[in-house]
Every structure is written in C-alpha cells, then in structure tokens.
Protein backbone atom coordinates (compact mmCIF):
# COMPACT_ATOMS: atom_id res chain seq x y z
CA UNK A 1 36.64 18.26 -27.64
CA UNK A 2 39.39 17.16 -30.19
CA UNK A 3 42.89 16.64 -29.42
CA UNK A 4 45.99 18.76 -30.74
CA UNK A 5 49.80 18.34 -30.54
CA UNK A 6 52.14 20.69 -28.66
CA UNK A 7 55.29 22.13 -30.26
CA UNK A 8 58.20 23.90 -29.33
CA UNK A 9 60.31 25.30 -31.63
CA UNK A 10 63.16 26.88 -29.15
CA UNK A 11 64.84 24.76 -26.40
CA UNK A 12 62.99 26.68 -23.70
CA UNK A 13 60.14 28.79 -25.79
CA UNK A 14 56.82 28.50 -25.71
CA UNK A 15 54.61 25.64 -26.45
CA UNK A 16 52.25 26.17 -29.46
CA UNK A 17 49.20 23.88 -30.43
CA UNK A 18 48.55 22.70 -33.93
CA UNK A 19 46.14 20.59 -35.91
CA UNK A 20 47.82 17.58 -37.25
CA UNK A 21 45.16 16.08 -39.28
CA UNK A 22 45.77 12.28 -38.97
CA UNK A 23 49.54 12.23 -38.59
CA UNK A 24 50.50 9.82 -35.86
CA UNK A 25 52.81 11.85 -33.72
CA UNK A 26 54.58 11.18 -30.39
CA UNK A 27 56.42 13.28 -27.98
CA UNK A 28 60.06 13.73 -29.26
CA UNK A 29 59.02 13.77 -32.97
CA UNK A 30 60.64 16.56 -34.77
CA UNK A 31 58.08 18.38 -37.36
CA UNK A 32 57.48 21.20 -39.75
CA UNK A 33 54.68 23.44 -38.75
CA UNK A 34 52.99 26.35 -40.36
CA UNK A 35 53.06 29.33 -37.93
CA UNK A 36 52.62 33.20 -38.20
CA UNK A 37 56.55 33.66 -39.12
CA UNK A 38 56.08 31.12 -41.79
CA UNK A 39 57.36 27.43 -41.69
CA UNK A 40 59.33 26.25 -38.37
CA UNK A 41 61.08 23.42 -37.28
CA UNK A 42 60.08 22.25 -33.82
CA UNK A 43 59.95 19.34 -31.55
CA UNK A 44 56.74 17.64 -30.31
CA UNK A 45 56.26 18.20 -26.26
CA UNK A 46 52.59 16.91 -26.16
CA UNK A 47 51.32 14.63 -28.27
CA UNK A 48 47.73 14.49 -27.55
CA UNK A 49 46.08 18.17 -25.81
CA UNK A 50 42.42 18.34 -25.78
CA UNK A 51 41.26 22.13 -26.46
CA UNK A 52 38.19 23.87 -26.50
CA UNK A 53 39.15 25.93 -29.38
CA UNK A 54 40.92 24.78 -32.47
CA UNK A 55 44.40 26.25 -33.11
CA UNK A 56 44.86 28.27 -36.54
CA UNK A 57 48.06 26.60 -37.86
CA UNK A 58 48.55 23.01 -38.46
CA UNK A 59 51.57 20.49 -38.72
CA UNK A 60 52.81 20.29 -42.39
CA UNK A 61 54.52 17.28 -41.78
CA UNK A 62 56.95 14.92 -39.61
CA UNK A 63 60.63 16.21 -40.58
CA UNK A 64 62.69 14.22 -42.88
CA UNK A 65 66.31 14.11 -43.11
CA UNK A 66 66.29 16.58 -45.85
CA UNK A 67 64.45 18.85 -43.16
CA UNK A 68 67.36 17.93 -40.71
CA UNK A 69 69.82 19.22 -43.12
CA UNK A 70 68.09 22.33 -43.92
CA UNK A 71 67.66 22.97 -40.33
CA UNK A 72 71.75 22.85 -39.70
CA UNK A 73 72.23 25.02 -42.60
CA UNK A 74 70.08 27.53 -41.29
CA UNK A 75 71.83 27.66 -37.97
CA UNK A 76 75.20 28.40 -39.87
CA UNK A 77 73.30 31.22 -41.71
CA UNK A 78 72.27 32.40 -38.61
CA UNK A 79 75.65 32.66 -37.29
CA UNK A 80 76.86 34.50 -40.25
CA UNK A 81 74.07 36.90 -40.25
CA UNK A 82 74.84 37.57 -36.89
CA UNK A 83 78.19 38.64 -37.73
CA UNK A 84 77.17 41.00 -40.88
CA UNK A 85 74.57 42.53 -38.32
CA UNK A 86 77.37 43.57 -35.78
CA UNK A 87 79.19 45.15 -38.67
CA UNK A 88 76.40 47.08 -39.72
CA UNK A 89 75.05 48.44 -36.21
CA UNK A 90 78.64 49.53 -35.80
CA UNK A 91 78.77 51.38 -39.32
CA UNK A 92 75.43 53.01 -38.63
CA UNK A 93 76.41 53.84 -34.93
CA UNK A 94 73.18 52.30 -33.60
CA UNK A 95 72.98 51.73 -30.01
CA UNK A 96 71.77 48.27 -30.39
CA UNK A 97 72.77 45.09 -28.68
CA UNK A 98 72.14 41.80 -30.45
CA UNK A 99 70.93 39.04 -28.51
CA UNK A 100 69.55 36.41 -31.05
CA UNK A 101 69.44 35.68 -34.78
CA UNK A 102 66.72 33.40 -35.71
CA UNK A 103 66.19 32.51 -39.72
CA UNK A 104 62.62 31.06 -40.49
CA UNK A 105 62.79 27.09 -41.30
CA UNK A 106 61.84 28.07 -45.15
CA UNK A 107 64.17 31.05 -45.06
CA UNK A 108 61.00 33.43 -45.94
CA UNK A 109 62.14 35.62 -43.19
CA UNK A 110 65.23 36.57 -40.81
CA UNK A 111 64.80 37.82 -37.27
CA UNK A 112 67.22 39.80 -35.39
CA UNK A 113 66.05 40.37 -31.69
CA UNK A 114 68.12 43.01 -29.99
CA UNK A 115 68.09 44.77 -26.60
CA UNK A 116 68.48 48.79 -26.59
CA UNK A 117 67.72 51.22 -23.63
CA UNK A 118 66.09 53.49 -25.62
CA UNK A 119 63.89 53.52 -28.85
CA UNK A 120 65.99 53.10 -32.23
CA UNK A 121 65.58 54.20 -36.03
CA UNK A 122 67.02 51.11 -37.94
CA UNK A 123 64.98 51.66 -41.04
CA UNK A 124 68.31 52.07 -43.10
CA UNK A 125 69.68 49.13 -41.24
CA UNK A 126 66.98 46.89 -42.41
CA UNK A 127 66.91 48.01 -46.10
CA UNK A 128 70.72 47.47 -46.01
CA UNK A 129 70.18 43.96 -44.48
CA UNK A 130 67.49 43.05 -47.07
CA UNK A 131 69.65 43.73 -50.02
CA UNK A 132 72.43 41.37 -48.42
CA UNK A 133 70.22 38.47 -47.35
CA UNK A 134 67.53 38.79 -50.19
CA UNK A 135 64.72 37.77 -47.64
CA UNK A 136 62.08 39.59 -45.47
CA UNK A 137 63.89 41.14 -42.47
CA UNK A 138 62.29 41.89 -39.00
CA UNK A 139 64.11 43.60 -36.07
CA UNK A 140 62.55 42.95 -32.81
CA UNK A 141 63.42 45.00 -29.67
CA UNK A 142 63.09 42.57 -26.44
CA UNK A 143 63.10 43.33 -22.91
CA UNK A 144 65.59 42.43 -20.21
CA UNK A 145 63.74 39.19 -18.80
CA UNK A 146 63.83 38.08 -22.57
CA UNK A 147 67.41 38.84 -23.15
CA UNK A 148 68.29 36.93 -19.84
CA UNK A 149 66.35 33.63 -21.12
CA UNK A 150 67.91 34.08 -24.25
CA UNK A 151 71.55 34.23 -23.17
CA UNK A 152 71.37 32.17 -20.21
CA UNK A 153 73.38 32.82 -17.07
CA UNK A 154 73.66 31.42 -13.51
CA UNK A 155 71.16 32.49 -10.59
CA UNK A 156 72.14 33.26 -7.23
CA UNK A 157 71.21 29.79 -6.09
CA UNK A 158 74.02 28.59 -8.23
CA UNK A 159 71.95 26.86 -10.92
CA UNK A 160 70.98 27.66 -14.52
CA UNK A 161 68.40 30.44 -14.83
CA UNK A 162 64.79 28.85 -14.61
CA UNK A 163 63.85 30.76 -17.73
CA UNK A 164 66.51 29.62 -19.64
CA UNK A 165 66.05 25.71 -18.85
CA UNK A 166 62.50 24.98 -18.07
CA UNK A 167 59.97 28.29 -18.20
CA UNK A 168 58.42 28.11 -21.37
CA UNK A 169 56.46 31.57 -20.35
CA UNK A 170 57.10 34.71 -18.38
CA UNK A 171 54.34 35.21 -15.33
CA UNK A 172 53.70 38.29 -13.59
CA UNK A 173 55.70 38.40 -10.45
CA UNK A 174 54.86 40.58 -7.36
CA UNK A 175 56.50 41.65 -4.21
CA UNK A 176 53.70 40.32 -2.21
CA UNK A 177 54.81 37.00 -3.40
CA UNK A 178 58.16 37.34 -1.51
CA UNK A 179 56.25 38.49 1.48
CA UNK A 180 54.42 35.07 1.74
CA UNK A 181 57.26 33.55 1.08
CA UNK A 182 59.26 34.87 3.96
CA UNK A 183 61.74 36.38 2.15
CA UNK A 184 63.58 39.83 2.31
CA UNK A 185 61.96 42.58 0.67
CA UNK A 186 65.03 44.21 -0.36
CA UNK A 187 65.02 44.38 -4.14
CA UNK A 188 68.55 43.62 -4.51
CA UNK A 189 68.08 40.20 -2.98
CA UNK A 190 65.02 38.99 -4.67
CA UNK A 191 65.93 40.11 -8.22
CA UNK A 192 67.27 38.06 -10.84
CA UNK A 193 70.31 38.57 -13.47
CA UNK A 194 67.78 40.65 -15.40
CA UNK A 195 67.19 43.14 -12.74
CA UNK A 196 63.61 42.01 -12.29
CA UNK A 197 61.77 40.00 -9.60
CA UNK A 198 62.94 36.38 -9.72
CA UNK A 199 60.91 33.96 -11.75
CA UNK A 200 61.03 31.26 -8.84
CA UNK A 201 58.70 33.52 -6.88
CA UNK A 202 55.90 32.71 -9.12
CA UNK A 203 56.17 29.31 -9.80
CA UNK A 204 56.98 28.20 -6.03
CA UNK A 205 53.77 30.39 -5.17
CA UNK A 206 51.38 27.60 -4.97
CA UNK A 207 53.61 25.53 -2.78
CA UNK A 208 54.15 28.17 -0.47
CA UNK A 209 50.13 28.87 -0.31
CA UNK A 210 49.77 25.25 0.54
CA UNK A 211 52.29 25.37 3.19
CA UNK A 212 51.33 28.70 4.71
CA UNK A 213 47.44 27.47 5.05
CA UNK A 214 47.86 25.62 7.94
CA UNK A 215 50.45 28.07 9.60
CA UNK A 216 49.42 30.39 12.45
CA UNK A 217 50.16 34.12 11.56
CA UNK A 218 52.69 36.43 13.62
CA UNK A 219 50.92 37.76 16.91
CA UNK A 220 48.43 34.96 16.93
CA UNK A 221 47.56 33.58 20.40
CA UNK A 222 48.05 29.81 20.40
CA UNK A 223 48.10 26.70 22.70
CA UNK A 224 50.86 24.67 23.00
CA UNK A 225 51.94 21.76 25.00
CA UNK A 226 53.32 24.33 27.58
CA UNK A 227 50.68 26.49 27.74
CA UNK A 228 49.52 29.64 25.53
CA UNK A 229 51.58 31.92 24.04
CA UNK A 230 51.70 34.52 21.33
CA UNK A 231 53.52 33.58 17.78
CA UNK A 232 56.60 35.51 17.35
CA UNK A 233 57.73 33.83 13.86
CA UNK A 234 57.20 30.86 11.50
CA UNK A 235 59.41 28.79 9.27
CA UNK A 236 57.25 27.77 6.16
CA UNK A 237 59.49 25.33 4.95
CA UNK A 238 60.16 23.31 8.23
CA UNK A 239 56.68 24.13 9.64
CA UNK A 240 58.06 25.30 12.68
CA UNK A 241 56.52 28.06 14.99
CA UNK A 242 58.49 30.11 17.26
CA UNK A 243 56.18 31.37 20.33
CA UNK A 244 56.62 33.36 23.23
CA UNK A 245 55.38 31.59 26.38
CA UNK A 246 54.34 33.72 29.49
CA UNK A 247 54.63 31.71 32.67
CA UNK A 248 53.42 32.59 36.06
CA UNK A 249 56.36 31.34 37.80
CA UNK A 250 59.33 32.52 35.82
CA UNK A 251 58.66 34.97 33.08
CA UNK A 252 58.66 35.13 29.54
CA UNK A 253 60.07 31.94 27.68
CA UNK A 254 60.86 31.44 23.92
CA UNK A 255 59.89 28.00 22.81
CA UNK A 256 59.88 26.48 19.22
CA UNK A 257 57.10 23.92 17.91
CA UNK A 258 56.16 21.89 15.16
CA UNK A 259 53.31 23.26 13.66
CA UNK A 260 51.31 19.82 14.40
CA UNK A 261 51.74 20.52 18.09
CA UNK A 262 49.86 23.79 18.52
CA UNK A 263 46.67 25.44 17.72
CA UNK A 264 45.37 28.85 17.24
CA UNK A 265 43.10 30.02 19.95
CA UNK A 266 39.88 31.32 18.72
CA UNK A 267 39.32 35.10 19.83
C-alpha cells in the first residue's frame, strides 16, 4: 500500500489525494497540482496517507514565489470577473445569484458558481463571457447547502457555520438523528440557515450513539436506590434519568438518578 498526499484547494474544501513522485512534502506546504479542472494551487493537509487505489492525478511541484504572485493576480481577476458577470446577467435578465467566481491557476478555465430556484438558459451569456475573458467558461448551478458554505454566516449556536469552517464534505442528514439526540422535531428548530437539516446532527451522531448506548429507554422498568420505577425521560449529555417511583406508603414519586445508579430490570 503506497502513501499519497492530501491537498485542499479551498479554505474549507474537500481534501483530494495525489501522487507526489518523490517530492518531500510536509503539512502546510503550498503546491501546484494537476486536476480535472487544470492546474490548481493548494495546501497540503495530509502529508502521508496510505490508499488502496492510486489517485488519478499528481503534484506538479511545490509552489514557488512566482506561483504565489500568480495566485494573487488570479484572485484579483476573479473579483473583476464577478463584477462583469453581474452586469451581464442584469443585461440578459437572467434569474441568477452569483455565489463564487473561480479562475483555475493556469487560467485555462473560469468557473462561475450561481444559485437559482429554476433552470436557466445561459448559452448566450457563456458565449459573451468567453469573448471577454478569452478562456473556457463554465457555469455551475449549486444548491442551498453549497451556497451557505461559500457565503458563510452564523448559526443559531452563535458560531460560524460548520460547513464554512471545518466540514470539507456534506454528509446525508436525517430527522432520525435529531430524534436520537433528544432534539425537537420541529423543522424550524433543527434546520440551518440554508433551510436544510443542520450538519452538526451528522458529525455529532457518533458521540450521541455512544452516550445512548448505556442509557435506558423511556418506559423501561429500572431498579434504583429507592426501589423500582419506570423511566419518564433521559438527559443524554448529563446522563441523568428521570424515573417515576411507585411506593406503597405514599404513592407516586418522581426522582432523578445518575445513569450509573440504576439498572434496567429484564422482563
């Protein structure tokens, strides 16, 4: 099994793996890599990663000072291109919202990412943009999750969005995850700014699965230091169980116990 290098081309983009043919690379190194888009400028996030299958593309070289300068120029061109794009969609009366502009490092392609609630016929726009920039033009319609990731914002927790700070890839999120984490099933309370279920439901799922593993379920008959009772509810994070105790002397009692103090009575 050979080892390969993992590179990220955007601040919080997906990590892609490449052959590096003997180059000595360390985490944090800036490199120029061959990709499906063309040559790209990226940062090494994983220096040595064993993979069963060899990546299709390779690292061309470690970035030079000239490459750094080219990267800065490209970023300036992206800003200018964005302004022109906005002018053109207004001219063509297209229902499009520009989200991001990307100029590939070798300037062989310029990509405009946009959001729209419907399909857009942008063939005339592409021709006009190609005549202006003299390079290949690609328009990509993205979804609401990608739009939120690119634009960034603040979540209901008061922190920057997970997708725009550390989550490289989107994972499927289900309402079942919210239920297992003891959250409200009201969509407005468990949805992010993108209108979809919050990403944190997915990356916190493993932790909650471990915490839930030893907790009784609602309705279970349990043995407590004060006798037997039925579980009314559980606090997953605090590992506290709410139990209704039935005592012969003075009726029904509600008590709270640490999960370590009780045990489920087998039926």
